[in-house]
Protein backbone atom coordinates (compact mmCIF):
# COMPACT_ATOMS: atom_id res chain seq x y z
CA UNK A 1 91.17 133.30 32.37
CA UNK A 2 91.82 129.79 34.20
CA UNK A 3 89.53 127.09 34.25
CA UNK A 4 89.76 125.31 37.86
CA UNK A 5 86.98 122.61 36.63
CA UNK A 6 88.66 119.23 35.59
CA UNK A 7 92.50 121.79 36.83
CA UNK A 8 94.91 119.27 38.27
CA UNK A 9 96.14 121.46 41.23
CA UNK A 10 99.12 121.68 43.21
CA UNK A 11 98.04 123.20 47.37
CA UNK A 12 101.52 124.11 49.36
CA UNK A 13 100.17 123.44 53.08
CA UNK A 14 96.87 121.85 52.14
CA UNK A 15 95.94 119.97 55.38
CA UNK A 16 94.73 122.84 57.78
CA UNK A 17 93.80 126.37 57.81
CA UNK A 18 93.58 128.51 54.21
CA UNK A 19 95.11 125.64 52.42
CA UNK A 20 92.48 122.79 53.36
CA UNK A 21 90.03 125.44 52.50
CA UNK A 22 91.72 125.83 48.84
CA UNK A 23 91.50 122.10 48.63
CA UNK A 24 87.97 121.74 49.42
CA UNK A 25 86.45 124.58 47.82
CA UNK A 26 88.54 123.28 44.12
CA UNK A 27 86.97 120.02 44.30
CA UNK A 28 83.70 122.09 44.46
CA UNK A 29 84.33 123.76 41.34
CA UNK A 30 85.37 120.71 39.64
CA UNK A 31 88.77 120.03 40.19
CA UNK A 32 90.23 117.30 38.53
CA UNK A 33 92.90 116.13 41.04
CA UNK A 34 94.45 118.58 43.97
CA UNK A 35 97.65 117.89 45.44
CA UNK A 36 97.59 118.75 49.12
CA UNK A 37 100.88 118.78 50.61
CA UNK A 38 102.45 118.95 54.30
CA UNK A 39 104.93 117.60 56.15
CA UNK A 40 103.26 114.64 57.44
CA UNK A 41 100.86 113.58 54.33
CA UNK A 42 98.71 111.58 56.97
CA UNK A 43 97.35 114.91 57.78
CA UNK A 44 95.49 115.52 55.26
CA UNK A 45 92.03 114.63 55.43
CA UNK A 46 90.07 115.76 52.05
CA UNK A 47 89.36 111.90 50.53
CA UNK A 48 89.25 113.10 47.09
CA UNK A 49 92.91 114.86 47.69
CA UNK A 50 96.17 113.38 46.80
CA UNK A 51 98.70 113.83 49.64
CA UNK A 52 102.30 114.51 49.65
CA UNK A 53 104.80 114.77 52.03
CA UNK A 54 106.76 118.17 51.51
CA UNK A 55 108.92 120.50 53.35
CA UNK A 56 109.12 124.03 51.04
CA UNK A 57 112.14 124.78 52.31
CA UNK A 58 114.23 121.16 51.58
CA UNK A 59 115.02 121.70 47.75
CA UNK A 60 115.05 117.61 47.61
CA UNK A 61 111.72 117.89 49.14
CA UNK A 62 110.14 120.13 46.47
CA UNK A 63 112.35 118.26 43.37
CA UNK A 64 110.94 114.96 44.80
CA UNK A 65 107.06 116.49 45.14
CA UNK A 66 107.22 118.05 41.43
CA UNK A 67 108.15 114.52 39.91
CA UNK A 68 105.31 113.52 41.65
CA UNK A 69 102.58 115.88 40.10
CA UNK A 70 104.17 116.32 36.56
CA UNK A 71 99.94 117.34 35.18
CA UNK A 72 99.95 120.43 37.24
CA UNK A 73 98.62 123.23 35.96
CA UNK A 74 98.14 125.78 38.55
CA UNK A 75 100.36 126.12 42.03
CA UNK A 76 99.16 127.36 44.89
CA UNK A 77 101.64 128.82 47.57
CA UNK A 78 99.79 128.49 50.85
CA UNK A 79 102.18 127.58 52.83
CA UNK A 80 103.84 129.39 55.63
CA UNK A 81 105.25 130.00 59.40
CA UNK A 82 104.94 132.76 61.62
CA UNK A 83 107.63 133.15 64.00
CA UNK A 84 107.16 137.12 64.31
CA UNK A 85 110.87 137.62 65.38
CA UNK A 86 111.89 141.15 66.54
CA UNK A 87 114.91 143.03 64.29
CA UNK A 88 116.70 144.36 67.47
CA UNK A 89 116.12 141.28 69.81
CA UNK A 90 115.42 137.86 69.14
CA UNK A 91 118.33 135.66 67.20
CA UNK A 92 118.87 136.42 63.62
CA UNK A 93 118.67 132.62 62.66
CA UNK A 94 114.84 132.99 63.63
CA UNK A 95 114.78 136.24 61.19
CA UNK A 96 116.22 133.62 58.44
CA UNK A 97 114.11 130.87 59.28
CA UNK A 98 111.10 132.87 58.68
CA UNK A 99 112.62 133.99 55.58
CA UNK A 100 113.38 130.33 54.69
CA UNK A 101 109.88 129.27 54.53
CA UNK A 102 107.96 132.78 53.61
CA UNK A 103 109.71 133.68 50.77
CA UNK A 104 112.37 131.30 49.53
CA UNK A 105 109.91 128.32 50.41
CA UNK A 106 107.50 129.40 47.57
CA UNK A 107 110.76 130.45 44.81
CA UNK A 108 111.64 126.70 45.37
CA UNK A 109 108.56 125.66 44.98
CA UNK A 110 107.80 128.13 41.78
CA UNK A 111 110.75 127.09 39.78
CA UNK A 112 110.00 124.05 39.81
CA UNK A 113 106.59 123.91 38.80
CA UNK A 114 107.05 126.47 36.05
CA UNK A 115 108.66 123.92 33.40
CA UNK A 116 105.98 121.47 34.69
CA UNK A 117 103.07 123.83 34.14
CA UNK A 118 104.59 125.44 30.84
CA UNK A 119 105.00 121.97 29.24
CA UNK A 120 101.17 121.42 30.37
CA UNK A 121 100.11 124.38 28.01
CA UNK A 122 100.12 127.08 30.82
CA UNK A 123 98.53 127.78 33.87
CA UNK A 124 98.31 129.63 36.98
CA UNK A 125 100.46 131.25 40.41
CA UNK A 126 98.40 131.48 43.62
CA UNK A 127 100.76 132.92 46.09
CA UNK A 128 99.43 133.44 49.67
CA UNK A 129 100.60 137.21 51.00
CA UNK A 130 99.21 138.69 54.25
CA UNK A 131 97.77 142.17 54.68
CA UNK A 132 101.18 142.22 56.81
CA UNK A 133 102.42 142.22 53.74
CA UNK A 134 101.97 145.88 53.68
CA UNK A 135 102.08 146.60 57.42
CA UNK A 136 105.26 145.86 59.37
CA UNK A 137 103.61 145.51 62.89
CA UNK A 138 105.12 141.76 62.75
CA UNK A 139 109.15 141.85 62.75
CA UNK A 140 110.46 139.70 60.31
CA UNK A 141 107.24 138.15 59.39
CA UNK A 142 105.46 140.98 57.77
CA UNK A 143 109.28 141.37 56.11
CA UNK A 144 109.37 137.86 54.77
CA UNK A 145 105.35 138.73 53.14
CA UNK A 146 106.81 141.62 51.72
CA UNK A 147 109.69 140.14 50.24
CA UNK A 148 107.04 137.61 48.72
CA UNK A 149 104.68 140.27 47.55
CA UNK A 150 107.59 141.49 45.73
CA UNK A 151 108.42 138.03 44.56
CA UNK A 152 105.12 137.49 43.14
CA UNK A 153 105.09 141.13 41.33
CA UNK A 154 108.35 139.90 39.37
CA UNK A 155 107.18 136.39 39.14
CA UNK A 156 104.26 137.98 37.08
CA UNK A 157 105.83 139.77 34.52
CA UNK A 158 108.68 136.83 34.10
CA UNK A 159 106.04 134.34 33.69
CA UNK A 160 103.31 135.77 31.36
CA UNK A 161 105.88 135.24 28.80
CA UNK A 162 105.26 131.76 29.46
CA UNK A 163 101.37 131.16 29.62
CA UNK A 164 101.41 131.72 33.35
CA UNK A 165 99.16 134.05 35.09
CA UNK A 166 99.82 135.23 39.03
CA UNK A 167 97.41 136.17 41.65
CA UNK A 168 98.60 137.47 44.90
CA UNK A 169 96.07 136.81 47.75
CA UNK A 170 96.19 139.62 50.71
CA UNK A 171 94.90 138.70 54.12
CA UNK A 172 94.30 139.39 57.16
CA UNK A 173 93.70 137.90 60.65
CA UNK A 174 92.14 134.10 59.52
CA UNK A 175 90.02 131.70 61.65
CA UNK A 176 92.44 129.58 61.99
CA UNK A 177 95.44 127.87 63.64
CA UNK A 178 97.87 130.64 63.31
CA UNK A 179 95.30 133.36 64.41
CA UNK A 180 94.16 131.22 67.83
CA UNK A 181 95.79 133.93 69.74
CA UNK A 182 94.25 136.74 68.58
CA UNK A 183 90.85 138.59 69.34
CA UNK A 184 89.45 140.33 66.76
CA UNK A 185 87.27 139.88 64.22
CA UNK A 186 88.68 136.60 61.42
CA UNK A 187 87.15 135.52 58.07
CA UNK A 188 85.98 132.48 57.69
CA UNK A 189 89.09 130.70 55.68
CA UNK A 190 86.17 129.24 53.49
CA UNK A 191 85.07 132.46 51.88
CA UNK A 192 89.23 133.62 51.65
CA UNK A 193 89.55 130.60 49.92
CA UNK A 194 86.15 131.55 47.61
CA UNK A 195 87.50 134.52 46.99
CA UNK A 196 91.32 133.75 46.13
CA UNK A 197 89.69 131.34 43.60
CA UNK A 198 87.83 133.83 41.87
CA UNK A 199 90.33 135.74 41.40
CA UNK A 200 92.43 133.06 39.87
CA UNK A 201 89.35 132.46 37.33
CA UNK A 202 89.19 136.09 36.46
CA UNK A 203 92.38 136.71 36.38
CA UNK A 204 93.06 139.13 38.61
CA UNK A 205 96.50 140.40 40.06
CA UNK A 206 95.72 140.69 43.44
CA UNK A 207 93.00 139.62 45.75
CA UNK A 208 92.02 141.20 48.72
CA UNK A 209 90.08 139.12 50.82
CA UNK A 210 88.84 141.70 53.54
CA UNK A 211 88.14 145.45 54.78
CA UNK A 212 91.34 145.47 56.67
CA UNK A 213 93.34 144.47 53.35
CA UNK A 214 91.60 147.25 51.25
CA UNK A 215 91.92 149.81 53.56
CA UNK A 216 95.89 149.41 54.02
CA UNK A 217 96.54 148.71 50.94
CA UNK A 218 94.45 152.15 49.95
CA UNK A 219 96.47 154.12 52.84
CA UNK A 220 100.17 153.30 51.12
CA UNK A 221 99.58 156.40 48.55
CA UNK A 222 99.20 158.19 51.88
CA UNK A 223 101.59 159.47 54.88
CA UNK A 224 103.48 156.87 57.50
CA UNK A 225 101.55 158.53 60.14
CA UNK A 226 98.44 157.50 59.01
CA UNK A 227 99.22 153.81 58.99
CA UNK A 228 101.90 154.18 62.07
CA UNK A 229 99.77 156.06 64.43
CA UNK A 230 102.78 156.19 66.91
CA UNK A 231 104.47 158.11 64.72
CA UNK A 232 102.04 160.94 65.21
CA UNK A 233 103.32 160.92 68.90
């Protein structure tokens, strides 16, 4: 069980979208201090948050951020990017860039903060995945999130002996800038943030934040044609 009241929390990508909603919900639950990161920390608008400059793909930037936040007990890897490159037609550098942000970025941040959290008596890691971790409709984005899901599952085992619990958040389309060009049902980022933090506080291994995530997760046990109707044609 992780208590968020009074906790010091580090949120990557905390200036907009789900990250901004997480910062707001953390303070609503009584968090002691919330570090909110952005490439430009001036875009962090919450009046109580501690803005931190961070580029998750840059080891020097990650190290500087960790040095600034030595009192953290909860880490939320929320920052991500969507290039959605085609494996056959897009430049390979685009695919690499997606993995640098969505897989290696969270790994660099986790490696920097795991010793901090352990020294502070243990705590929690929350990684933000996607329903596309399980549904390969987003090209390199789906692949990078699937890799992050696997990373999270491995980290859960590696970090448990160090007193750090791990939760993975899966969600479909959310009403944020990232999904601004998408038509269809979108979750409210505030609802997603609330469910995610409920999972952290209850010690859930995974949080499935909407119906599509629950449906796709259940479908992993079935025939692939059920998830990919194109295969049945």
